[in-house]
Amino acid sequence: MILTIRDETASGAVTNELTLDVLTEAITVRELIRSRVYQEVQDFNVRQRQGAQGGAVDFKGLVTPSDAEKTLNGVRLRTRREIDWKDQYEKACEAFERNGFFVLVDDRQAESLDEELMLRHDTAVSFVRLVPLVGG
């Protein structure tokens, strides 16, 4: 099954969209995050290798890699290197548990990493990042 995932702001604006191949219709939130992070890191690393002769490549991922600076279209690594998907996955799980983002599945918020989700061909999945307020 092909699953479309959207990154959204708290106001509902879509900031990124990607598709994942999912092998089963029952998946935990942890497995969903793992699949998403693995795919986006692999895609970035391939784009970066292919563009090795040209300019820097922006990373539009769930969590920001270490040694990265924010750009208009995502983040850019300060030094060209491949990103480790396992490191990104661990950061993403930690961010979920400390409410750095939440996951909506068909407009219902997932409560824990081990919550099992039942996916259908039309399931809507959104990752909503929470941005801390200035001064608070």
C-alpha atoms as a PDB file:
ATOM      1  CA  MET A   1       0.000   0.000   0.000  1.00  0.00           C
ATOM      2  CA  ILE A   2       1.216   3.513  -0.762  1.00  0.00           C
ATOM      3  CA  LEU A   3       0.634   5.959   2.070  1.00  0.00           C
ATOM      4  CA  THR A   4       0.797   9.735   1.633  1.00  0.00           C
ATOM      5  CA  ILE A   5       2.164  11.641   4.620  1.00  0.00           C
ATOM      6  CA  ARG A   6       1.871  15.385   5.059  1.00  0.00           C
ATOM      7  CA  ASP A   7       3.787  17.711   7.335  1.00  0.00           C
ATOM      8  CA  GLU A   8       1.532  20.473   8.577  1.00  0.00           C
ATOM      9  CA  THR A   9       1.730  23.543  10.740  1.00  0.00           C
ATOM     10  CA  ALA A  10      -0.611  23.945  13.716  1.00  0.00           C
ATOM     11  CA  SER A  11      -2.823  26.122  11.481  1.00  0.00           C
ATOM     12  CA  GLY A  12      -3.165  23.301   8.921  1.00  0.00           C
ATOM     13  CA  ALA A  13      -0.831  24.597   6.194  1.00  0.00           C
ATOM     14  CA  VAL A  14       0.960  21.734   4.390  1.00  0.00           C
ATOM     15  CA  THR A  15       4.746  22.254   4.403  1.00  0.00           C
ATOM     16  CA  ASN A  16       5.912  18.930   2.941  1.00  0.00           C
ATOM     17  CA  GLU A  17       4.453  15.758   1.468  1.00  0.00           C
ATOM     18  CA  LEU A  18       5.966  12.338   0.872  1.00  0.00           C
ATOM     19  CA  THR A  19       4.801   8.841   0.041  1.00  0.00           C
ATOM     20  CA  LEU A  20       5.753   5.593   1.748  1.00  0.00           C
ATOM     21  CA  ASP A  21       5.366   1.998   0.681  1.00  0.00           C
ATOM     22  CA  VAL A  22       3.774   0.189   3.617  1.00  0.00           C
ATOM     23  CA  LEU A  23       3.802  -3.607   3.620  1.00  0.00           C
ATOM     24  CA  THR A  24       0.969  -4.173   6.093  1.00  0.00           C
ATOM     25  CA  GLU A  25      -2.213  -2.378   7.065  1.00  0.00           C
ATOM     26  CA  ALA A  26      -1.498  -2.719  10.803  1.00  0.00           C
ATOM     27  CA  ILE A  27       1.449  -0.589  11.931  1.00  0.00           C
ATOM     28  CA  THR A  28       2.496   1.103  15.166  1.00  0.00           C
ATOM     29  CA  VAL A  29       3.254   4.806  15.400  1.00  0.00           C
ATOM     30  CA  ARG A  30       6.888   3.848  16.124  1.00  0.00           C
ATOM     31  CA  GLU A  31       7.057   1.788  12.889  1.00  0.00           C
ATOM     32  CA  LEU A  32       5.423   4.617  10.943  1.00  0.00           C
ATOM     33  CA  ILE A  33       8.006   7.100  12.226  1.00  0.00           C
ATOM     34  CA  ARG A  34      10.804   4.616  11.491  1.00  0.00           C
ATOM     35  CA  SER A  35       9.619   4.092   7.894  1.00  0.00           C
ATOM     36  CA  ARG A  36       9.167   7.809   7.323  1.00  0.00           C
ATOM     37  CA  VAL A  37      12.580   8.775   8.744  1.00  0.00           C
ATOM     38  CA  TYR A  38      14.363   5.963   6.885  1.00  0.00           C
ATOM     39  CA  GLN A  39      12.802   7.020   3.570  1.00  0.00           C
ATOM     40  CA  GLU A  40      13.455  10.742   3.910  1.00  0.00           C
ATOM     41  CA  VAL A  41      17.082  10.213   5.002  1.00  0.00           C
ATOM     42  CA  GLN A  42      17.748   7.732   2.178  1.00  0.00           C
ATOM     43  CA  ASP A  43      16.210  10.150  -0.349  1.00  0.00           C
ATOM     44  CA  PHE A  44      18.353  13.014   0.976  1.00  0.00           C
ATOM     45  CA  ASN A  45      21.571  10.971   0.920  1.00  0.00           C
ATOM     46  CA  VAL A  46      20.929   9.870  -2.690  1.00  0.00           C
ATOM     47  CA  ARG A  47      20.121  13.452  -3.805  1.00  0.00           C
ATOM     48  CA  GLN A  48      23.246  14.694  -2.090  1.00  0.00           C
ATOM     49  CA  ARG A  49      25.464  12.058  -3.796  1.00  0.00           C
ATOM     50  CA  GLN A  50      23.934  12.835  -7.180  1.00  0.00           C
ATOM     51  CA  GLY A  51      24.409  16.561  -6.649  1.00  0.00           C
ATOM     52  CA  ALA A  52      27.959  16.205  -5.301  1.00  0.00           C
ATOM     53  CA  GLN A  53      29.303  18.374  -8.135  1.00  0.00           C
ATOM     54  CA  GLY A  54      26.703  21.092  -7.655  1.00  0.00           C
ATOM     55  CA  GLY A  55      25.401  23.096  -4.730  1.00  0.00           C
ATOM     56  CA  ALA A  56      24.162  22.038  -1.334  1.00  0.00           C
ATOM     57  CA  VAL A  57      20.982  19.987  -0.943  1.00  0.00           C
ATOM     58  CA  ASP A  58      18.233  20.973   1.516  1.00  0.00           C
ATOM     59  CA  PHE A  59      16.852  18.382   3.937  1.00  0.00           C
ATOM     60  CA  LYS A  60      13.118  18.414   4.623  1.00  0.00           C
ATOM     61  CA  GLY A  61      12.883  15.923   7.441  1.00  0.00           C
ATOM     62  CA  LEU A  62      10.858  15.297  10.537  1.00  0.00           C
ATOM     63  CA  VAL A  63      13.701  16.331  12.854  1.00  0.00           C
ATOM     64  CA  THR A  64      16.689  18.554  12.192  1.00  0.00           C
ATOM     65  CA  PRO A  65      20.065  16.809  11.934  1.00  0.00           C
ATOM     66  CA  SER A  66      22.939  17.967  14.126  1.00  0.00           C
ATOM     67  CA  ASP A  67      25.072  20.703  12.571  1.00  0.00           C
ATOM     68  CA  ALA A  68      22.307  22.054  10.327  1.00  0.00           C
ATOM     69  CA  GLU A  69      21.062  25.554   9.676  1.00  0.00           C
ATOM     70  CA  LYS A  70      17.547  26.583   8.716  1.00  0.00           C
ATOM     71  CA  THR A  71      16.941  27.662   5.110  1.00  0.00           C
ATOM     72  CA  LEU A  72      13.882  28.830   3.230  1.00  0.00           C
ATOM     73  CA  ASN A  73      13.194  25.285   1.917  1.00  0.00           C
ATOM     74  CA  GLY A  74      14.229  23.142   4.900  1.00  0.00           C
ATOM     75  CA  VAL A  75      17.607  22.821   6.569  1.00  0.00           C
ATOM     76  CA  ARG A  76      21.114  22.579   5.157  1.00  0.00           C
ATOM     77  CA  LEU A  77      24.048  20.747   6.694  1.00  0.00           C
ATOM     78  CA  ARG A  78      26.965  23.031   7.487  1.00  0.00           C
ATOM     79  CA  THR A  79      29.379  20.378   6.237  1.00  0.00           C
ATOM     80  CA  ARG A  80      28.499  17.961   3.444  1.00  0.00           C
ATOM     81  CA  ARG A  81      27.934  14.486   4.897  1.00  0.00           C
ATOM     82  CA  GLU A  82      25.461  11.659   4.831  1.00  0.00           C
ATOM     83  CA  ILE A  83      22.799  11.627   7.515  1.00  0.00           C
ATOM     84  CA  ASP A  84      22.450   8.540   9.728  1.00  0.00           C
ATOM     85  CA  TRP A  85      18.814   7.414   9.643  1.00  0.00           C
ATOM     86  CA  LYS A  86      19.096   5.582  12.990  1.00  0.00           C
ATOM     87  CA  ASP A  87      20.217   8.759  14.735  1.00  0.00           C
ATOM     88  CA  GLN A  88      17.360  10.699  13.131  1.00  0.00           C
ATOM     89  CA  TYR A  89      14.887   7.967  14.116  1.00  0.00           C
ATOM     90  CA  GLU A  90      15.961   8.118  17.772  1.00  0.00           C
ATOM     91  CA  LYS A  91      15.630  11.919  17.750  1.00  0.00           C
ATOM     92  CA  ALA A  92      12.174  11.635  16.175  1.00  0.00           C
ATOM     93  CA  CYS A  93      10.932   9.171  18.821  1.00  0.00           C
ATOM     94  CA  GLU A  94      12.260  11.441  21.576  1.00  0.00           C
ATOM     95  CA  ALA A  95      10.580  14.458  19.959  1.00  0.00           C
ATOM     96  CA  PHE A  96       7.248  12.596  19.759  1.00  0.00           C
ATOM     97  CA  GLU A  97       7.426  11.633  23.427  1.00  0.00           C
ATOM     98  CA  ARG A  98       8.173  15.203  24.539  1.00  0.00           C
ATOM     99  CA  ASN A  99       5.377  16.595  22.315  1.00  0.00           C
ATOM    100  CA  GLY A 100       7.659  18.195  19.723  1.00  0.00           C
ATOM    101  CA  PHE A 101       5.178  16.998  17.105  1.00  0.00           C
ATOM    102  CA  PHE A 102       2.072  14.884  17.006  1.00  0.00           C
ATOM    103  CA  VAL A 103       0.663  12.444  14.490  1.00  0.00           C
ATOM    104  CA  LEU A 104      -2.883  12.648  13.159  1.00  0.00           C
ATOM    105  CA  VAL A 105      -4.338   9.584  11.481  1.00  0.00           C
ATOM    106  CA  ASP A 106      -7.670  10.344   9.826  1.00  0.00           C
ATOM    107  CA  ASP A 107      -7.975  13.425  12.099  1.00  0.00           C
ATOM    108  CA  ARG A 108      -7.432  11.369  15.287  1.00  0.00           C
ATOM    109  CA  GLN A 109      -4.319  12.051  17.333  1.00  0.00           C
ATOM    110  CA  ALA A 110      -2.037   9.082  18.034  1.00  0.00           C
ATOM    111  CA  GLU A 111      -1.318   8.855  21.756  1.00  0.00           C
ATOM    112  CA  SER A 112       1.802   6.675  22.042  1.00  0.00           C
ATOM    113  CA  LEU A 113       4.637   5.195  20.014  1.00  0.00           C
ATOM    114  CA  ASP A 114       3.258   1.698  20.539  1.00  0.00           C
ATOM    115  CA  GLU A 115      -0.293   2.528  19.472  1.00  0.00           C
ATOM    116  CA  GLU A 116      -1.348   0.306  16.577  1.00  0.00           C
ATOM    117  CA  LEU A 117      -2.830   2.019  13.541  1.00  0.00           C
ATOM    118  CA  MET A 118      -5.062   0.367  10.970  1.00  0.00           C
ATOM    119  CA  LEU A 119      -4.285   1.816   7.550  1.00  0.00           C
ATOM    120  CA  ARG A 120      -6.533   1.848   4.491  1.00  0.00           C
ATOM    121  CA  HIS A 121      -5.798   3.018   0.973  1.00  0.00           C
ATOM    122  CA  ASP A 122      -7.364   6.404   1.803  1.00  0.00           C
ATOM    123  CA  THR A 123      -5.885   6.911   5.282  1.00  0.00           C
ATOM    124  CA  ALA A 124      -4.753  10.499   5.860  1.00  0.00           C
ATOM    125  CA  VAL A 125      -1.584  10.830   7.976  1.00  0.00           C
ATOM    126  CA  SER A 126      -0.280  14.206   9.108  1.00  0.00           C
ATOM    127  CA  PHE A 127       2.729  15.084  11.220  1.00  0.00           C
ATOM    128  CA  VAL A 128       2.084  18.388  12.971  1.00  0.00           C
ATOM    129  CA  ARG A 129       5.137  20.140  14.399  1.00  0.00           C
ATOM    130  CA  LEU A 130       4.676  22.323  17.397  1.00  0.00           C
ATOM    131  CA  VAL A 131       6.698  25.522  17.463  1.00  0.00           C
ATOM    132  CA  PRO A 132       7.471  27.014  20.880  1.00  0.00           C
ATOM    133  CA  LEU A 133       6.060  30.491  21.395  1.00  0.00           C
ATOM    134  CA  VAL A 134       8.519  33.357  21.576  1.00  0.00           C
ATOM    135  CA  GLY A 135       9.077  34.390  25.172  1.00  0.00           C
ATOM    136  CA  GLY A 136       7.279  31.423  26.692  1.00  0.00           C
END
